[in-house]
Structures are given as structure tokens and as C-alpha cells.
Amino acid sequence: MRYAAILAGGVGNRMKSAHIPKQFLEIAGKPIIIWTLERIMKSALFDEIIIAIHPEWNEYLKTMIRDRDLNRSYVKVIDGGKERLDTIRNVIDYIDKTHGINDSDKILIHDAVRPFVTDKIMKDSMDALDQYPAVVAAIPATDTMLWIEDGTKVDSMPARSKLFHGQAPDSFQLTVLRDSLDSLSDEEKETITGTAQICLTKGIEIHTIPGDVENIKLTSDGDLMIAEGIMRERIERDK
């Protein structure tokens, strides 16, 4: 089985204009999370798409999906957890309970607020899992990078040629992700900030595939303005 999991459990407040969780804000006349869901659905790469949402917004999302005629049997909405790791745990537990987990299963984990993921990124991720246990999309760093220990003074300037920006999706052989998550200590859980880091912490090789500069994560009001322009340009291009 090939699974796509959309993580939408956050209710972050970095968007000052947001009065609802940012994944429900609109760009080009449509909620961000719906753009993301449609993008993954249209790829036709997955047997099941699982959206893990904050429990308070579960019914709201289900209604939104029904109202937009996206209520397919392979689209499932489940409750997310308190933290990102808890949400991923809920996704894995749902799969295990519903289908069981097989050695050949693959999972792509994506952010609800990255609506510009491409078919190529998703296909490359799934294909790479035939050879590697874990895969992350990445793009080369273009700015000068600074290493700052105390928050003010530049201690060094790492070689830019060796630095990349990690993007979602992160993709895994499902048994590898499950086993890595199961074996995390409480101390290790405190250090995890990204999904692929779950496996990296346990010594699992992480392979990269090319990301896309437009595959941005929408976390601020400025990101919304950029996304509005990108999406409207794509709409015009596809007419």
C-alpha cells in the first residue's frame, strides 16, 4: 500500500491575521488544505490519503471536504495528537488497525500548508523508497549561511555547497518509520523538529530527492501573499 498523510493538527499563531487555523485560510478563493488535498489526489499515486486534524476541527474539515465533492472512500480524516510526533503516531496506529502494516508499505508525510507540492516530488519520493528507507525533498541553499552560537555573534560561515533546505514531503518505508518512532526515548523526542529526524536519530540513512522552490510552507502573512500570487499564476496558466 502507498499512503499519503497530511498533517494538519497545528493551530499555530505566527499568522497575525489568522482567526482560524492557518490551513483553513484561503488563497485564490480556496482553503489551503483543500489545495493540498486536491494536489495529492490528482497525483493518483496513493491508495489512501489520511488527514490528521486537530480534534476540534475534525467535523469542520469533513464538512468542507463533502461540500467540495472530495469525499472519496480513500480520503480519511482522523484526529491528530498534541504534538507532531503524536499526530504521526495516530496515523500509524490508524493504518495498523485498519489495514495492518506490511514490509512493502510506503508512506509520504506532507504538511497541510504546503499546497504547491508537485507530482514529480511525490513520484520521485515513492520511487526512491524502492532503494532507500527514508527520503526527504531538499533544495540547495542559495543565501550565505551563518552559524551563531549565542544569538548575536557570527561564529562561522558553513560551506553553502553542503547545505540544503529540507522540504516536506518526508517519505518512508512504513515499517522503518514505525520502528524508529517506537524506539525513541523521551529525551530523543524532545530533540525532534522534523519528521525525517525521527529516523535520522535512530541511525537510519536519509536519502534526498530534488525539491522545488515553489514548494513553500505557509507560516506567515507574507507567505500568504506570495502563495496567492503563485496560485493565481498557476490557475491562469492552466486555463
C-alpha atoms as a PDB file:
ATOM      1  CA  MET A   1       0.000   0.000   0.000  1.00  0.00           C
ATOM      2  CA  ARG A   2       1.008   3.571  -0.671  1.00  0.00           C
ATOM      3  CA  TYR A   3      -0.243   6.068   1.880  1.00  0.00           C
ATOM      4  CA  ALA A   4      -0.168   9.857   1.910  1.00  0.00           C
ATOM      5  CA  ALA A   5      -0.594  11.515   5.302  1.00  0.00           C
ATOM      6  CA  ILE A   6      -1.432  15.208   5.514  1.00  0.00           C
ATOM      7  CA  LEU A   7      -0.523  16.634   8.915  1.00  0.00           C
ATOM      8  CA  ALA A   8      -2.995  19.368   9.840  1.00  0.00           C
ATOM      9  CA  GLY A   9      -3.034  19.221  13.616  1.00  0.00           C
ATOM     10  CA  GLY A  10      -1.477  22.606  14.239  1.00  0.00           C
ATOM     11  CA  VAL A  11      -3.254  25.740  15.410  1.00  0.00           C
ATOM     12  CA  GLY A  12      -0.178  27.974  15.145  1.00  0.00           C
ATOM     13  CA  ASN A  13      -0.345  31.730  15.642  1.00  0.00           C
ATOM     14  CA  ARG A  14       2.511  33.045  13.507  1.00  0.00           C
ATOM     15  CA  MET A  15      -0.039  34.408  11.034  1.00  0.00           C
ATOM     16  CA  LYS A  16      -1.194  37.545  12.808  1.00  0.00           C
ATOM     17  CA  SER A  17      -4.245  37.864  10.547  1.00  0.00           C
ATOM     18  CA  ALA A  18      -5.475  34.321  11.212  1.00  0.00           C
ATOM     19  CA  HIS A  19      -8.639  33.846  13.279  1.00  0.00           C
ATOM     20  CA  ILE A  20      -8.809  30.144  12.386  1.00  0.00           C
ATOM     21  CA  PRO A  21      -6.037  27.557  11.950  1.00  0.00           C
ATOM     22  CA  LYS A  22      -3.847  28.617   9.037  1.00  0.00           C
ATOM     23  CA  GLN A  23      -4.631  25.519   6.966  1.00  0.00           C
ATOM     24  CA  PHE A  24      -8.201  26.809   6.610  1.00  0.00           C
ATOM     25  CA  LEU A  25      -7.222  30.267   5.364  1.00  0.00           C
ATOM     26  CA  GLU A  26      -7.942  30.868   1.685  1.00  0.00           C
ATOM     27  CA  ILE A  27      -5.633  31.582  -1.222  1.00  0.00           C
ATOM     28  CA  ALA A  28      -7.078  32.166  -4.672  1.00  0.00           C
ATOM     29  CA  GLY A  29     -10.568  31.533  -3.317  1.00  0.00           C
ATOM     30  CA  LYS A  30      -9.960  28.134  -1.721  1.00  0.00           C
ATOM     31  CA  PRO A  31      -8.722  26.912   1.694  1.00  0.00           C
ATOM     32  CA  ILE A  32      -5.046  25.980   1.742  1.00  0.00           C
ATOM     33  CA  ILE A  33      -5.750  22.462   3.000  1.00  0.00           C
ATOM     34  CA  ILE A  34      -8.139  21.829   0.107  1.00  0.00           C
ATOM     35  CA  TRP A  35      -5.495  22.903  -2.425  1.00  0.00           C
ATOM     36  CA  THR A  36      -3.084  20.477  -0.748  1.00  0.00           C
ATOM     37  CA  LEU A  37      -5.589  17.616  -0.705  1.00  0.00           C
ATOM     38  CA  GLU A  38      -6.550  18.138  -4.341  1.00  0.00           C
ATOM     39  CA  ARG A  39      -2.902  18.242  -5.377  1.00  0.00           C
ATOM     40  CA  ILE A  40      -2.246  14.869  -3.737  1.00  0.00           C
ATOM     41  CA  MET A  41      -5.495  13.354  -5.042  1.00  0.00           C
ATOM     42  CA  LYS A  42      -4.723  14.402  -8.620  1.00  0.00           C
ATOM     43  CA  SER A  43      -1.348  12.683  -8.490  1.00  0.00           C
ATOM     44  CA  ALA A  44      -3.173   9.311  -8.360  1.00  0.00           C
ATOM     45  CA  LEU A  45      -0.110   7.853  -6.613  1.00  0.00           C
ATOM     46  CA  PHE A  46      -1.727   6.725  -3.375  1.00  0.00           C
ATOM     47  CA  ASP A  47      -4.107   4.018  -2.242  1.00  0.00           C
ATOM     48  CA  GLU A  48      -5.242   6.060   0.734  1.00  0.00           C
ATOM     49  CA  ILE A  49      -4.909   9.673   1.873  1.00  0.00           C
ATOM     50  CA  ILE A  50      -5.115  10.273   5.625  1.00  0.00           C
ATOM     51  CA  ILE A  51      -5.618  13.765   7.017  1.00  0.00           C
ATOM     52  CA  ALA A  52      -4.754  14.116  10.698  1.00  0.00           C
ATOM     53  CA  ILE A  53      -6.508  17.210  12.050  1.00  0.00           C
ATOM     54  CA  HIS A  54      -6.868  18.828  15.472  1.00  0.00           C
ATOM     55  CA  PRO A  55      -9.917  17.115  17.086  1.00  0.00           C
ATOM     56  CA  GLU A  56     -11.776  20.409  17.480  1.00  0.00           C
ATOM     57  CA  TRP A  57     -11.666  20.915  13.706  1.00  0.00           C
ATOM     58  CA  ASN A  58     -12.387  17.339  12.609  1.00  0.00           C
ATOM     59  CA  GLU A  59     -16.056  17.819  11.707  1.00  0.00           C
ATOM     60  CA  TYR A  60     -15.343  21.224  10.187  1.00  0.00           C
ATOM     61  CA  LEU A  61     -12.877  19.629   7.781  1.00  0.00           C
ATOM     62  CA  LYS A  62     -15.160  16.715   6.962  1.00  0.00           C
ATOM     63  CA  THR A  63     -17.945  19.150   6.087  1.00  0.00           C
ATOM     64  CA  MET A  64     -15.547  21.189   3.952  1.00  0.00           C
ATOM     65  CA  ILE A  65     -14.500  18.048   2.055  1.00  0.00           C
ATOM     66  CA  ARG A  66     -18.119  16.980   1.489  1.00  0.00           C
ATOM     67  CA  ASP A  67     -19.174  20.450   0.346  1.00  0.00           C
ATOM     68  CA  ARG A  68     -16.442  20.424  -2.297  1.00  0.00           C
ATOM     69  CA  ASP A  69     -17.302  16.932  -3.545  1.00  0.00           C
ATOM     70  CA  LEU A  70     -13.962  15.491  -2.411  1.00  0.00           C
ATOM     71  CA  ASN A  71     -15.486  12.869  -0.118  1.00  0.00           C
ATOM     72  CA  ARG A  72     -13.845   9.795  -1.656  1.00  0.00           C
ATOM     73  CA  SER A  73     -13.598   6.428   0.055  1.00  0.00           C
ATOM     74  CA  TYR A  74      -9.806   6.633   0.035  1.00  0.00           C
ATOM     75  CA  VAL A  75      -9.737  10.007   1.846  1.00  0.00           C
ATOM     76  CA  LYS A  76      -9.846   9.542   5.616  1.00  0.00           C
ATOM     77  CA  VAL A  77      -9.952  12.214   8.312  1.00  0.00           C
ATOM     78  CA  ILE A  78      -8.627  11.259  11.747  1.00  0.00           C
ATOM     79  CA  ASP A  79      -7.729  13.130  14.922  1.00  0.00           C
ATOM     80  CA  GLY A  80      -4.213  14.445  15.254  1.00  0.00           C
ATOM     81  CA  GLY A  81      -2.277  14.463  18.507  1.00  0.00           C
ATOM     82  CA  LYS A  82      -0.956  17.085  20.875  1.00  0.00           C
ATOM     83  CA  GLU A  83       2.456  17.279  19.181  1.00  0.00           C
ATOM     84  CA  ARG A  84       3.745  16.358  15.704  1.00  0.00           C
ATOM     85  CA  LEU A  85       5.093  13.013  16.907  1.00  0.00           C
ATOM     86  CA  ASP A  86       1.718  12.222  18.485  1.00  0.00           C
ATOM     87  CA  THR A  87      -0.027  13.006  15.201  1.00  0.00           C
ATOM     88  CA  ILE A  88       2.314  10.729  13.266  1.00  0.00           C
ATOM     89  CA  ARG A  89       1.689   8.031  15.886  1.00  0.00           C
ATOM     90  CA  ASN A  90      -2.072   8.395  15.355  1.00  0.00           C
ATOM     91  CA  VAL A  91      -1.606   7.971  11.597  1.00  0.00           C
ATOM     92  CA  ILE A  92       0.483   4.827  12.011  1.00  0.00           C
ATOM     93  CA  ASP A  93      -1.915   3.370  14.580  1.00  0.00           C
ATOM     94  CA  TYR A  94      -4.856   4.058  12.255  1.00  0.00           C
ATOM     95  CA  ILE A  95      -3.134   2.250   9.373  1.00  0.00           C
ATOM     96  CA  ASP A  96      -2.169  -0.682  11.584  1.00  0.00           C
ATOM     97  CA  LYS A  97      -5.686  -1.035  12.972  1.00  0.00           C
ATOM     98  CA  THR A  98      -7.426  -0.607   9.615  1.00  0.00           C
ATOM     99  CA  HIS A  99      -5.144  -2.453   7.204  1.00  0.00           C
ATOM    100  CA  GLY A 100      -2.232  -3.898   9.127  1.00  0.00           C
ATOM    101  CA  ILE A 101       1.323  -2.899   8.224  1.00  0.00           C
ATOM    102  CA  ASN A 102       3.297  -4.832   5.629  1.00  0.00           C
ATOM    103  CA  ASP A 103       7.006  -4.711   4.782  1.00  0.00           C
ATOM    104  CA  SER A 104       6.268  -3.269   1.328  1.00  0.00           C
ATOM    105  CA  ASP A 105       4.089  -0.381   2.571  1.00  0.00           C
ATOM    106  CA  LYS A 106       5.216   3.173   1.874  1.00  0.00           C
ATOM    107  CA  ILE A 107       4.087   6.456   3.396  1.00  0.00           C
ATOM    108  CA  LEU A 108       4.509  10.058   2.297  1.00  0.00           C
ATOM    109  CA  ILE A 109       4.048  12.628   5.060  1.00  0.00           C
ATOM    110  CA  HIS A 110       3.194  16.155   3.970  1.00  0.00           C
ATOM    111  CA  ASP A 111       2.296  19.465   5.597  1.00  0.00           C
ATOM    112  CA  ALA A 112      -1.250  20.730   5.107  1.00  0.00           C
ATOM    113  CA  VAL A 113       0.167  24.201   4.472  1.00  0.00           C
ATOM    114  CA  ARG A 114       2.404  23.214   1.523  1.00  0.00           C
ATOM    115  CA  PRO A 115      -0.137  23.397  -1.329  1.00  0.00           C
ATOM    116  CA  PHE A 116       2.444  23.565  -4.150  1.00  0.00           C
ATOM    117  CA  VAL A 117       3.898  20.067  -3.895  1.00  0.00           C
ATOM    118  CA  THR A 118       4.470  18.662  -7.383  1.00  0.00           C
ATOM    119  CA  ASP A 119       3.723  15.294  -8.945  1.00  0.00           C
ATOM    120  CA  LYS A 120       7.435  14.903  -9.602  1.00  0.00           C
ATOM    121  CA  ILE A 121       8.370  15.375  -5.947  1.00  0.00           C
ATOM    122  CA  MET A 122       5.787  12.819  -4.857  1.00  0.00           C
ATOM    123  CA  LYS A 123       6.651  10.288  -7.565  1.00  0.00           C
ATOM    124  CA  ASP A 124      10.396  10.671  -7.016  1.00  0.00           C
ATOM    125  CA  SER A 125       9.842  10.130  -3.289  1.00  0.00           C
ATOM    126  CA  MET A 126       7.859   6.936  -3.792  1.00  0.00           C
ATOM    127  CA  ASP A 127      10.321   5.585  -6.365  1.00  0.00           C
ATOM    128  CA  ALA A 128      13.318   6.313  -4.133  1.00  0.00           C
ATOM    129  CA  LEU A 129      11.789   4.176  -1.379  1.00  0.00           C
ATOM    130  CA  ASP A 130      12.460   1.130  -3.547  1.00  0.00           C
ATOM    131  CA  GLN A 131      16.139   1.679  -2.681  1.00  0.00           C
ATOM    132  CA  TYR A 132      16.229   3.774   0.491  1.00  0.00           C
ATOM    133  CA  PRO A 133      14.394   3.519   3.831  1.00  0.00           C
ATOM    134  CA  ALA A 134      13.704   7.245   4.188  1.00  0.00           C
ATOM    135  CA  VAL A 135      13.549  10.149   1.734  1.00  0.00           C
ATOM    136  CA  VAL A 136      13.238  13.917   2.091  1.00  0.00           C
ATOM    137  CA  ALA A 137      12.814  16.628  -0.544  1.00  0.00           C
ATOM    138  CA  ALA A 138      15.603  19.226  -0.485  1.00  0.00           C
ATOM    139  CA  ILE A 139      16.767  22.283  -2.395  1.00  0.00           C
ATOM    140  CA  PRO A 140      20.274  23.822  -2.308  1.00  0.00           C
ATOM    141  CA  ALA A 141      20.829  26.791  -0.015  1.00  0.00           C
ATOM    142  CA  THR A 142      21.364  29.984  -2.005  1.00  0.00           C
ATOM    143  CA  ASP A 143      21.958  32.515   0.769  1.00  0.00           C
ATOM    144  CA  THR A 144      25.130  32.855   2.799  1.00  0.00           C
ATOM    145  CA  MET A 145      24.605  30.693   5.882  1.00  0.00           C
ATOM    146  CA  LEU A 146      25.711  31.850   9.324  1.00  0.00           C
ATOM    147  CA  TRP A 147      26.488  29.734  12.400  1.00  0.00           C
ATOM    148  CA  ILE A 148      25.625  31.764  15.509  1.00  0.00           C
ATOM    149  CA  GLU A 149      26.046  30.199  18.937  1.00  0.00           C
ATOM    150  CA  ASP A 150      24.751  32.913  21.269  1.00  0.00           C
ATOM    151  CA  GLY A 151      22.192  34.618  19.040  1.00  0.00           C
ATOM    152  CA  THR A 152      24.259  37.675  18.057  1.00  0.00           C
ATOM    153  CA  LYS A 153      27.846  36.906  17.030  1.00  0.00           C
ATOM    154  CA  VAL A 154      28.739  35.046  13.827  1.00  0.00           C
ATOM    155  CA  ASP A 155      30.955  32.093  14.775  1.00  0.00           C
ATOM    156  CA  SER A 156      31.409  30.644  11.289  1.00  0.00           C
ATOM    157  CA  MET A 157      30.040  30.579   7.760  1.00  0.00           C
ATOM    158  CA  PRO A 158      29.439  26.957   6.716  1.00  0.00           C
ATOM    159  CA  ALA A 159      30.174  25.963   3.128  1.00  0.00           C
ATOM    160  CA  ARG A 160      26.976  26.721   1.257  1.00  0.00           C
ATOM    161  CA  SER A 161      27.616  23.906  -1.228  1.00  0.00           C
ATOM    162  CA  LYS A 162      26.993  21.388   1.544  1.00  0.00           C
ATOM    163  CA  LEU A 163      23.809  22.987   2.892  1.00  0.00           C
ATOM    164  CA  PHE A 164      20.243  22.343   1.734  1.00  0.00           C
ATOM    165  CA  HIS A 165      16.775  23.427   2.743  1.00  0.00           C
ATOM    166  CA  GLY A 166      14.667  20.435   3.741  1.00  0.00           C
ATOM    167  CA  GLN A 167      11.083  20.433   2.494  1.00  0.00           C
ATOM    168  CA  ALA A 168       8.064  18.251   3.064  1.00  0.00           C
ATOM    169  CA  PRO A 169       7.171  15.677   1.977  1.00  0.00           C
ATOM    170  CA  ASP A 170       9.176  13.217   4.011  1.00  0.00           C
ATOM    171  CA  SER A 171       8.649   9.645   2.823  1.00  0.00           C
ATOM    172  CA  PHE A 172       9.402   6.312   4.432  1.00  0.00           C
ATOM    173  CA  GLN A 173       9.210   2.597   4.227  1.00  0.00           C
ATOM    174  CA  LEU A 174       6.390   2.392   6.734  1.00  0.00           C
ATOM    175  CA  THR A 175       7.910  -0.309   8.942  1.00  0.00           C
ATOM    176  CA  VAL A 176      11.099   1.754   9.240  1.00  0.00           C
ATOM    177  CA  LEU A 177       9.187   4.837  10.388  1.00  0.00           C
ATOM    178  CA  ARG A 178       7.086   2.825  12.825  1.00  0.00           C
ATOM    179  CA  ASP A 179      10.071   1.057  14.350  1.00  0.00           C
ATOM    180  CA  SER A 180      12.084   4.269  14.605  1.00  0.00           C
ATOM    181  CA  LEU A 181       9.217   6.096  16.295  1.00  0.00           C
ATOM    182  CA  ASP A 182       8.636   3.192  18.690  1.00  0.00           C
ATOM    183  CA  SER A 183      12.275   3.207  19.796  1.00  0.00           C
ATOM    184  CA  LEU A 184      12.621   6.938  20.553  1.00  0.00           C
ATOM    185  CA  SER A 185      13.448   7.726  24.145  1.00  0.00           C
ATOM    186  CA  ASP A 186      11.730  10.615  25.927  1.00  0.00           C
ATOM    187  CA  GLU A 187      14.972  12.595  25.646  1.00  0.00           C
ATOM    188  CA  GLU A 188      15.224  11.940  21.917  1.00  0.00           C
ATOM    189  CA  LYS A 189      11.604  13.001  21.391  1.00  0.00           C
ATOM    190  CA  GLU A 190      12.459  16.399  22.842  1.00  0.00           C
ATOM    191  CA  THR A 191      15.023  16.980  20.072  1.00  0.00           C
ATOM    192  CA  ILE A 192      12.766  16.125  17.122  1.00  0.00           C
ATOM    193  CA  THR A 193      11.721  19.105  14.990  1.00  0.00           C
ATOM    194  CA  GLY A 194      11.199  17.420  11.599  1.00  0.00           C
ATOM    195  CA  THR A 195       9.681  14.128  10.504  1.00  0.00           C
ATOM    196  CA  ALA A 196      12.785  12.672   8.828  1.00  0.00           C
ATOM    197  CA  GLN A 197      14.693  13.403  12.043  1.00  0.00           C
ATOM    198  CA  ILE A 198      12.795  10.529  13.650  1.00  0.00           C
ATOM    199  CA  CYS A 199      14.751   8.090  11.501  1.00  0.00           C
ATOM    200  CA  LEU A 200      17.995  10.062  11.463  1.00  0.00           C
ATOM    201  CA  THR A 201      18.055   9.996  15.262  1.00  0.00           C
ATOM    202  CA  LYS A 202      17.976   6.196  15.116  1.00  0.00           C
ATOM    203  CA  GLY A 203      20.831   5.990  12.605  1.00  0.00           C
ATOM    204  CA  ILE A 204      18.657   5.383   9.527  1.00  0.00           C
ATOM    205  CA  GLU A 205      20.047   6.648   6.208  1.00  0.00           C
ATOM    206  CA  ILE A 206      18.104   9.594   4.799  1.00  0.00           C
ATOM    207  CA  HIS A 207      18.192   9.997   1.010  1.00  0.00           C
ATOM    208  CA  THR A 208      17.274  13.264  -0.732  1.00  0.00           C
ATOM    209  CA  ILE A 209      15.322  13.947  -3.889  1.00  0.00           C
ATOM    210  CA  PRO A 210      15.093  17.374  -5.575  1.00  0.00           C
ATOM    211  CA  GLY A 211      12.510  19.686  -4.069  1.00  0.00           C
ATOM    212  CA  ASP A 212      11.020  22.749  -5.727  1.00  0.00           C
ATOM    213  CA  VAL A 213      11.496  26.429  -4.887  1.00  0.00           C
ATOM    214  CA  GLU A 214       7.721  26.977  -5.086  1.00  0.00           C
ATOM    215  CA  ASN A 215       7.022  24.171  -2.611  1.00  0.00           C
ATOM    216  CA  ILE A 216       6.909  26.671   0.237  1.00  0.00           C
ATOM    217  CA  LYS A 217       5.395  26.221   3.683  1.00  0.00           C
ATOM    218  CA  LEU A 218       2.843  28.907   4.512  1.00  0.00           C
ATOM    219  CA  THR A 219       3.561  30.067   8.048  1.00  0.00           C
ATOM    220  CA  SER A 220       3.365  33.877   7.953  1.00  0.00           C
ATOM    221  CA  ASP A 221       1.229  36.627   6.450  1.00  0.00           C
ATOM    222  CA  GLY A 222       3.997  37.297   3.927  1.00  0.00           C
ATOM    223  CA  ASP A 223       3.861  33.656   2.827  1.00  0.00           C
ATOM    224  CA  LEU A 224       0.135  34.058   2.155  1.00  0.00           C
ATOM    225  CA  MET A 225       0.785  36.979  -0.184  1.00  0.00           C
ATOM    226  CA  ILE A 226       3.422  35.004  -2.089  1.00  0.00           C
ATOM    227  CA  ALA A 227       1.175  31.942  -2.283  1.00  0.00           C
ATOM    228  CA  GLU A 228      -1.733  33.980  -3.605  1.00  0.00           C
ATOM    229  CA  GLY A 229       0.408  35.169  -6.491  1.00  0.00           C
ATOM    230  CA  ILE A 230       1.807  31.720  -7.274  1.00  0.00           C
ATOM    231  CA  MET A 231      -1.619  30.062  -7.209  1.00  0.00           C
ATOM    232  CA  ARG A 232      -3.312  32.671  -9.388  1.00  0.00           C
ATOM    233  CA  GLU A 233      -0.478  32.419 -11.899  1.00  0.00           C
ATOM    234  CA  ARG A 234      -0.921  28.637 -11.998  1.00  0.00           C
ATOM    235  CA  ILE A 235      -4.670  28.979 -12.466  1.00  0.00           C
ATOM    236  CA  GLU A 236      -4.170  31.327 -15.411  1.00  0.00           C
ATOM    237  CA  ARG A 237      -1.519  29.033 -16.895  1.00  0.00           C
ATOM    238  CA  ASP A 238      -3.814  26.015 -16.711  1.00  0.00           C
ATOM    239  CA  LYS A 239      -6.782  27.703 -18.404  1.00  0.00           C
END
